[in-house]
């Protein structure tokens, strides 16, 4: 049913059963609606790799409209969830960098690849967020 299903799917991302989170993430990714962006970003923190992968692929499919919400989430990187978010964000930004001719995202990618990424990613994301055009 597309977009009308999103409000019912989003709460399922917190379900204790991995299979339900996977199915909800897959459905949100296939719907390809901007209303699912925040939920898919949240799914990048899931304990299960398959859920994180589906979320990342769903965000890539949505294109550059995910960049601002993703950068906002990267400005608040926490030690406890940083590795999961780092991996997903890196995958997404690497896929979308071709749509960034001015290379505003490159410093964020570089920070994500740094061993000290938890201290370097938030300021890099903040700068990219300020430089990224608002629509």
N, C-alpha and C. Protein backbone atom coordinates (compact mmCIF):
# COMPACT_ATOMS: atom_id res chain seq x y z
N UNK A 1 0.81 -1.21 0.00
CA UNK A 1 0.00 0.00 0.00
C UNK A 1 0.85 1.27 0.00
N UNK A 2 2.17 1.10 0.09
CA UNK A 2 3.06 2.25 -0.01
C UNK A 2 3.05 3.15 1.22
N UNK A 3 3.06 4.44 0.98
CA UNK A 3 3.19 5.45 2.02
C UNK A 3 2.22 5.26 3.20
N UNK A 4 0.96 4.88 2.98
CA UNK A 4 0.07 4.70 4.14
C UNK A 4 0.55 3.64 5.14
N UNK A 5 1.44 2.75 4.72
CA UNK A 5 1.94 1.71 5.62
C UNK A 5 3.04 2.21 6.55
N UNK A 6 3.67 3.31 6.23
CA UNK A 6 4.83 3.77 6.99
C UNK A 6 4.54 3.94 8.48
N UNK A 7 3.45 4.61 8.89
CA UNK A 7 3.21 4.74 10.34
C UNK A 7 3.05 3.41 11.07
N UNK A 8 2.61 2.40 10.38
CA UNK A 8 2.47 1.07 11.00
C UNK A 8 3.80 0.32 11.03
N UNK A 9 4.66 0.60 10.08
CA UNK A 9 5.95 -0.09 9.99
C UNK A 9 6.99 0.48 10.95
N UNK A 10 7.01 1.78 11.15
CA UNK A 10 8.05 2.41 11.96
C UNK A 10 8.16 1.83 13.37
N UNK A 11 7.05 1.60 14.08
CA UNK A 11 7.19 1.03 15.43
C UNK A 11 7.78 -0.40 15.43
N UNK A 12 7.65 -1.09 14.32
CA UNK A 12 8.17 -2.45 14.23
C UNK A 12 9.70 -2.49 14.20
N UNK A 13 10.33 -1.35 13.93
CA UNK A 13 11.79 -1.29 13.93
C UNK A 13 12.37 -1.51 15.33
N UNK A 14 11.54 -1.38 16.35
CA UNK A 14 11.98 -1.61 17.74
C UNK A 14 11.56 -2.98 18.27
N UNK A 15 10.97 -3.80 17.43
CA UNK A 15 10.49 -5.11 17.89
C UNK A 15 11.66 -5.96 18.38
N UNK A 16 11.42 -6.77 19.37
CA UNK A 16 12.50 -7.61 19.91
C UNK A 16 12.90 -8.73 18.95
N UNK A 17 12.00 -9.08 18.03
CA UNK A 17 12.30 -10.16 17.09
C UNK A 17 13.00 -9.60 15.85
N UNK A 18 14.16 -10.17 15.58
CA UNK A 18 14.98 -9.74 14.45
C UNK A 18 14.23 -9.83 13.12
N UNK A 19 13.48 -10.91 12.93
CA UNK A 19 12.79 -11.12 11.66
C UNK A 19 11.74 -10.02 11.40
N UNK A 20 11.07 -9.59 12.44
CA UNK A 20 10.07 -8.52 12.28
C UNK A 20 10.77 -7.21 11.94
N UNK A 21 11.89 -6.91 12.62
CA UNK A 21 12.64 -5.68 12.29
C UNK A 21 13.14 -5.74 10.85
N UNK A 22 13.60 -6.92 10.42
CA UNK A 22 14.09 -7.09 9.06
C UNK A 22 12.97 -6.84 8.04
N UNK A 23 11.81 -7.44 8.29
CA UNK A 23 10.68 -7.28 7.37
C UNK A 23 10.22 -5.82 7.31
N UNK A 24 10.16 -5.16 8.45
CA UNK A 24 9.75 -3.75 8.48
C UNK A 24 10.75 -2.89 7.74
N UNK A 25 12.03 -3.14 7.94
CA UNK A 25 13.08 -2.37 7.26
C UNK A 25 13.02 -2.62 5.76
N UNK A 26 12.83 -3.86 5.37
CA UNK A 26 12.73 -4.18 3.94
C UNK A 26 11.54 -3.46 3.30
N UNK A 27 10.41 -3.49 3.98
CA UNK A 27 9.22 -2.81 3.45
C UNK A 27 9.46 -1.31 3.33
N UNK A 28 10.04 -0.70 4.36
CA UNK A 28 10.31 0.74 4.31
C UNK A 28 11.28 1.07 3.18
N UNK A 29 12.28 0.24 2.99
CA UNK A 29 13.25 0.47 1.92
C UNK A 29 12.59 0.36 0.55
N UNK A 30 11.68 -0.57 0.41
CA UNK A 30 11.01 -0.77 -0.88
C UNK A 30 9.98 0.31 -1.17
N UNK A 31 9.41 0.89 -0.13
CA UNK A 31 8.43 1.97 -0.34
C UNK A 31 9.10 3.20 -0.94
N UNK A 32 10.34 3.43 -0.58
CA UNK A 32 11.13 4.56 -1.12
C UNK A 32 10.42 5.90 -0.96
N UNK A 33 10.03 6.18 0.28
CA UNK A 33 9.34 7.42 0.57
C UNK A 33 10.16 8.20 1.60
N UNK A 34 10.30 9.51 1.42
CA UNK A 34 11.06 10.31 2.39
C UNK A 34 10.55 10.21 3.82
N UNK A 35 9.29 9.88 4.01
CA UNK A 35 8.74 9.74 5.36
C UNK A 35 9.41 8.60 6.14
N UNK A 36 10.11 7.72 5.45
CA UNK A 36 10.78 6.59 6.10
C UNK A 36 12.23 6.87 6.44
N UNK A 37 12.76 8.02 6.05
CA UNK A 37 14.19 8.30 6.22
C UNK A 37 14.63 8.18 7.68
N UNK A 38 13.94 8.83 8.60
CA UNK A 38 14.37 8.78 10.00
C UNK A 38 14.34 7.36 10.55
N UNK A 39 13.33 6.60 10.18
CA UNK A 39 13.25 5.21 10.62
C UNK A 39 14.38 4.36 10.06
N UNK A 40 14.71 4.58 8.80
CA UNK A 40 15.81 3.83 8.19
C UNK A 40 17.14 4.22 8.80
N UNK A 41 17.31 5.50 9.15
CA UNK A 41 18.54 5.91 9.83
C UNK A 41 18.62 5.23 11.20
N UNK A 42 17.51 5.16 11.90
CA UNK A 42 17.47 4.47 13.18
C UNK A 42 17.85 2.99 13.00
N UNK A 43 17.41 2.39 11.91
CA UNK A 43 17.70 0.97 11.65
C UNK A 43 19.19 0.73 11.36
N UNK A 44 19.93 1.79 11.04
CA UNK A 44 21.38 1.65 10.87
C UNK A 44 22.06 1.25 12.17
N UNK A 45 21.36 1.40 13.29
CA UNK A 45 21.91 1.06 14.61
C UNK A 45 21.46 -0.31 15.10
N UNK A 46 20.73 -1.04 14.28
CA UNK A 46 20.21 -2.35 14.68
C UNK A 46 21.36 -3.31 14.96
N UNK A 47 21.16 -4.21 15.91
CA UNK A 47 22.19 -5.18 16.26
C UNK A 47 22.44 -6.21 15.15
N UNK A 48 21.48 -6.39 14.27
CA UNK A 48 21.60 -7.38 13.20
C UNK A 48 22.12 -6.72 11.92
N UNK A 49 23.18 -7.30 11.37
CA UNK A 49 23.78 -6.77 10.15
C UNK A 49 22.78 -6.70 9.00
N UNK A 50 21.96 -7.72 8.83
CA UNK A 50 21.02 -7.76 7.70
C UNK A 50 20.04 -6.60 7.75
N UNK A 51 19.62 -6.21 8.94
CA UNK A 51 18.71 -5.07 9.09
C UNK A 51 19.44 -3.78 8.73
N UNK A 52 20.66 -3.65 9.23
CA UNK A 52 21.46 -2.44 8.91
C UNK A 52 21.71 -2.33 7.41
N UNK A 53 22.02 -3.45 6.77
CA UNK A 53 22.29 -3.44 5.34
C UNK A 53 21.06 -3.00 4.54
N UNK A 54 19.90 -3.56 4.88
CA UNK A 54 18.66 -3.16 4.20
C UNK A 54 18.39 -1.67 4.39
N UNK A 55 18.62 -1.18 5.61
CA UNK A 55 18.39 0.24 5.88
C UNK A 55 19.33 1.10 5.04
N UNK A 56 20.59 0.73 4.98
CA UNK A 56 21.56 1.50 4.19
C UNK A 56 21.19 1.49 2.71
N UNK A 57 20.82 0.33 2.20
CA UNK A 57 20.44 0.25 0.79
C UNK A 57 19.16 1.06 0.51
N UNK A 58 18.23 1.03 1.44
CA UNK A 58 17.02 1.83 1.29
C UNK A 58 17.32 3.31 1.27
N UNK A 59 18.26 3.74 2.11
CA UNK A 59 18.64 5.15 2.14
C UNK A 59 19.38 5.55 0.86
N UNK A 60 20.24 4.69 0.38
CA UNK A 60 20.92 4.97 -0.90
C UNK A 60 19.90 5.14 -2.02
N UNK A 61 18.89 4.28 -2.03
CA UNK A 61 17.86 4.34 -3.08
C UNK A 61 17.08 5.66 -3.03
N UNK A 62 16.98 6.26 -1.86
CA UNK A 62 16.28 7.54 -1.74
C UNK A 62 17.12 8.71 -2.24
N UNK A 63 18.39 8.51 -2.44
CA UNK A 63 19.24 9.54 -3.03
C UNK A 63 19.64 10.65 -2.08
N UNK A 64 19.97 11.80 -2.64
CA UNK A 64 20.55 12.89 -1.87
C UNK A 64 19.62 13.48 -0.82
N UNK A 65 18.34 13.20 -0.88
CA UNK A 65 17.43 13.72 0.16
C UNK A 65 17.72 13.14 1.54
N UNK A 66 18.53 12.08 1.61
CA UNK A 66 18.87 11.51 2.91
C UNK A 66 20.09 12.18 3.53
N UNK A 67 20.80 12.99 2.75
CA UNK A 67 22.07 13.53 3.24
C UNK A 67 21.89 14.42 4.47
N UNK A 68 20.96 15.35 4.44
CA UNK A 68 20.78 16.24 5.59
C UNK A 68 20.39 15.46 6.85
N UNK A 69 19.38 14.58 6.81
CA UNK A 69 19.09 13.81 8.04
C UNK A 69 20.26 12.93 8.50
N UNK A 70 21.00 12.36 7.54
CA UNK A 70 22.14 11.52 7.91
C UNK A 70 23.24 12.36 8.55
N UNK A 71 23.54 13.51 7.97
CA UNK A 71 24.55 14.39 8.57
C UNK A 71 24.13 14.84 9.96
N UNK A 72 22.84 15.13 10.14
CA UNK A 72 22.36 15.51 11.47
C UNK A 72 22.60 14.39 12.47
N UNK A 73 22.36 13.16 12.06
CA UNK A 73 22.59 12.04 12.98
C UNK A 73 24.09 11.88 13.27
N UNK A 74 24.93 12.18 12.31
CA UNK A 74 26.38 12.07 12.52
C UNK A 74 26.93 13.17 13.42
N UNK A 75 26.22 14.29 13.54
CA UNK A 75 26.68 15.33 14.46
C UNK A 75 26.51 14.90 15.91
N UNK A 76 25.77 13.82 16.13
CA UNK A 76 25.49 13.35 17.49
C UNK A 76 26.03 11.94 17.72
N UNK A 77 27.14 11.61 17.06
CA UNK A 77 27.72 10.27 17.21
C UNK A 77 28.08 10.03 18.67
N UNK A 78 27.68 8.86 19.16
CA UNK A 78 27.99 8.45 20.52
C UNK A 78 28.89 7.21 20.47
N UNK A 79 29.72 7.09 21.44
CA UNK A 79 30.66 5.97 21.51
C UNK A 79 29.94 4.63 21.44
N UNK A 80 28.81 4.51 22.12
CA UNK A 80 28.12 3.22 22.22
C UNK A 80 27.54 2.74 20.88
N UNK A 81 27.17 3.65 20.00
CA UNK A 81 26.56 3.26 18.73
C UNK A 81 27.39 3.68 17.53
N UNK A 82 28.54 4.24 17.78
CA UNK A 82 29.30 4.87 16.71
C UNK A 82 29.75 3.92 15.61
N UNK A 83 30.17 2.72 15.95
CA UNK A 83 30.68 1.79 14.93
C UNK A 83 29.58 1.43 13.94
N UNK A 84 28.38 1.13 14.45
CA UNK A 84 27.29 0.74 13.57
C UNK A 84 26.89 1.89 12.66
N UNK A 85 26.74 3.07 13.23
CA UNK A 85 26.36 4.23 12.44
C UNK A 85 27.46 4.59 11.46
N UNK A 86 28.71 4.49 11.89
CA UNK A 86 29.84 4.81 11.01
C UNK A 86 29.82 3.94 9.76
N UNK A 87 29.66 2.65 9.94
CA UNK A 87 29.69 1.75 8.79
C UNK A 87 28.56 2.04 7.81
N UNK A 88 27.35 2.22 8.32
CA UNK A 88 26.21 2.50 7.46
C UNK A 88 26.34 3.84 6.77
N UNK A 89 26.75 4.86 7.52
CA UNK A 89 26.90 6.20 6.95
C UNK A 89 27.98 6.21 5.88
N UNK A 90 29.06 5.51 6.13
CA UNK A 90 30.14 5.45 5.13
C UNK A 90 29.63 4.83 3.83
N UNK A 91 28.92 3.74 3.94
CA UNK A 91 28.37 3.07 2.76
C UNK A 91 27.44 4.01 1.98
N UNK A 92 26.57 4.69 2.70
CA UNK A 92 25.60 5.58 2.06
C UNK A 92 26.29 6.76 1.39
N UNK A 93 27.18 7.43 2.13
CA UNK A 93 27.86 8.60 1.57
C UNK A 93 28.77 8.21 0.40
N UNK A 94 29.41 7.07 0.49
CA UNK A 94 30.26 6.60 -0.62
C UNK A 94 29.41 6.40 -1.88
N UNK A 95 28.22 5.87 -1.71
CA UNK A 95 27.33 5.65 -2.85
C UNK A 95 26.79 6.96 -3.43
N UNK A 96 26.60 7.95 -2.56
CA UNK A 96 26.00 9.21 -3.01
C UNK A 96 27.01 10.29 -3.38
N UNK A 97 28.29 10.02 -3.19
CA UNK A 97 29.30 11.05 -3.41
C UNK A 97 29.36 11.50 -4.88
N UNK A 98 28.88 10.68 -5.77
CA UNK A 98 28.87 11.08 -7.18
C UNK A 98 27.91 12.24 -7.42
N UNK A 99 26.96 12.43 -6.51
CA UNK A 99 26.02 13.55 -6.61
C UNK A 99 26.52 14.77 -5.84
N UNK A 100 27.80 14.79 -5.51
CA UNK A 100 28.41 15.87 -4.74
C UNK A 100 29.63 16.41 -5.49
N UNK A 101 29.40 17.12 -6.60
CA UNK A 101 30.53 17.57 -7.42
C UNK A 101 31.47 18.53 -6.69
N UNK A 102 30.98 19.23 -5.68
CA UNK A 102 31.83 20.18 -4.96
C UNK A 102 32.56 19.52 -3.79
N UNK A 103 32.38 18.23 -3.64
CA UNK A 103 33.09 17.43 -2.62
C UNK A 103 32.84 17.91 -1.19
N UNK A 104 31.62 18.34 -0.90
CA UNK A 104 31.27 18.78 0.45
C UNK A 104 31.21 17.60 1.43
N UNK A 105 31.00 16.40 0.90
CA UNK A 105 30.89 15.22 1.75
C UNK A 105 32.24 14.54 2.00
N UNK A 106 33.25 14.86 1.22
CA UNK A 106 34.54 14.18 1.33
C UNK A 106 35.15 14.29 2.73
N UNK A 107 35.12 15.46 3.38
CA UNK A 107 35.67 15.50 4.74
C UNK A 107 34.95 14.58 5.73
N UNK A 108 33.66 14.37 5.52
CA UNK A 108 32.91 13.46 6.39
C UNK A 108 33.37 12.02 6.13
N UNK A 109 33.52 11.66 4.87
CA UNK A 109 34.02 10.31 4.54
C UNK A 109 35.41 10.10 5.14
N UNK A 110 36.26 11.09 5.01
CA UNK A 110 37.61 10.99 5.56
C UNK A 110 37.56 10.81 7.08
N UNK A 111 36.71 11.57 7.74
CA UNK A 111 36.57 11.44 9.20
C UNK A 111 36.02 10.06 9.58
N UNK A 112 35.09 9.54 8.80
CA UNK A 112 34.53 8.21 9.08
C UNK A 112 35.58 7.11 8.95
N UNK A 113 36.58 7.35 8.14
CA UNK A 113 37.64 6.36 7.92
C UNK A 113 38.78 6.49 8.93
N UNK A 114 38.78 7.54 9.72
CA UNK A 114 39.85 7.81 10.68
C UNK A 114 39.68 6.95 11.93
N UNK A 115 40.78 6.53 12.51
CA UNK A 115 40.73 5.73 13.73
C UNK A 115 40.11 6.51 14.90
N UNK A 116 40.24 7.81 14.87
CA UNK A 116 39.67 8.68 15.91
C UNK A 116 38.33 9.26 15.45
N UNK A 117 37.56 8.47 14.74
CA UNK A 117 36.35 8.98 14.10
C UNK A 117 35.32 9.56 15.06
N UNK A 118 35.23 9.05 16.29
CA UNK A 118 34.20 9.55 17.20
C UNK A 118 34.41 11.01 17.56
N UNK A 119 35.65 11.49 17.50
CA UNK A 119 35.89 12.91 17.77
C UNK A 119 35.91 13.74 16.50
N UNK A 120 36.14 13.11 15.36
CA UNK A 120 36.28 13.86 14.11
C UNK A 120 35.00 13.93 13.27
N UNK A 121 34.14 12.93 13.40
CA UNK A 121 32.93 12.90 12.58
C UNK A 121 31.95 14.02 12.91
N UNK A 122 31.62 14.27 14.19
CA UNK A 122 30.63 15.33 14.45
C UNK A 122 31.01 16.70 13.88
N UNK A 123 32.24 17.18 14.07
CA UNK A 123 32.54 18.50 13.47
C UNK A 123 32.55 18.47 11.94
N UNK A 124 33.02 17.38 11.35
CA UNK A 124 33.01 17.28 9.88
C UNK A 124 31.59 17.26 9.36
N UNK A 125 30.71 16.53 10.04
CA UNK A 125 29.30 16.47 9.63
C UNK A 125 28.64 17.83 9.80
N UNK A 126 28.97 18.53 10.86
CA UNK A 126 28.41 19.87 11.09
C UNK A 126 28.81 20.84 9.97
N UNK A 127 30.06 20.80 9.57
CA UNK A 127 30.51 21.67 8.47
C UNK A 127 29.82 21.30 7.15
N UNK A 128 29.72 20.01 6.88
CA UNK A 128 29.05 19.57 5.65
C UNK A 128 27.58 19.94 5.68
N UNK A 129 26.97 19.85 6.83
CA UNK A 129 25.56 20.21 6.97
C UNK A 129 25.34 21.69 6.66
N UNK A 130 26.24 22.52 7.14
CA UNK A 130 26.14 23.97 6.86
C UNK A 130 26.35 24.26 5.37
N UNK A 131 27.20 23.47 4.73
CA UNK A 131 27.54 23.72 3.33
C UNK A 131 26.54 23.09 2.35
N UNK A 132 25.80 22.07 2.83
CA UNK A 132 24.90 21.35 1.94
C UNK A 132 23.69 22.21 1.61
N UNK A 133 23.31 22.29 0.34
CA UNK A 133 22.17 23.15 -0.03
C UNK A 133 20.85 22.62 0.53
N UNK A 134 20.07 23.52 1.02
CA UNK A 134 18.71 23.18 1.51
C UNK A 134 17.76 23.35 0.35
N UNK A 135 16.82 22.44 0.27
CA UNK A 135 15.84 22.52 -0.82
C UNK A 135 14.53 23.06 -0.30
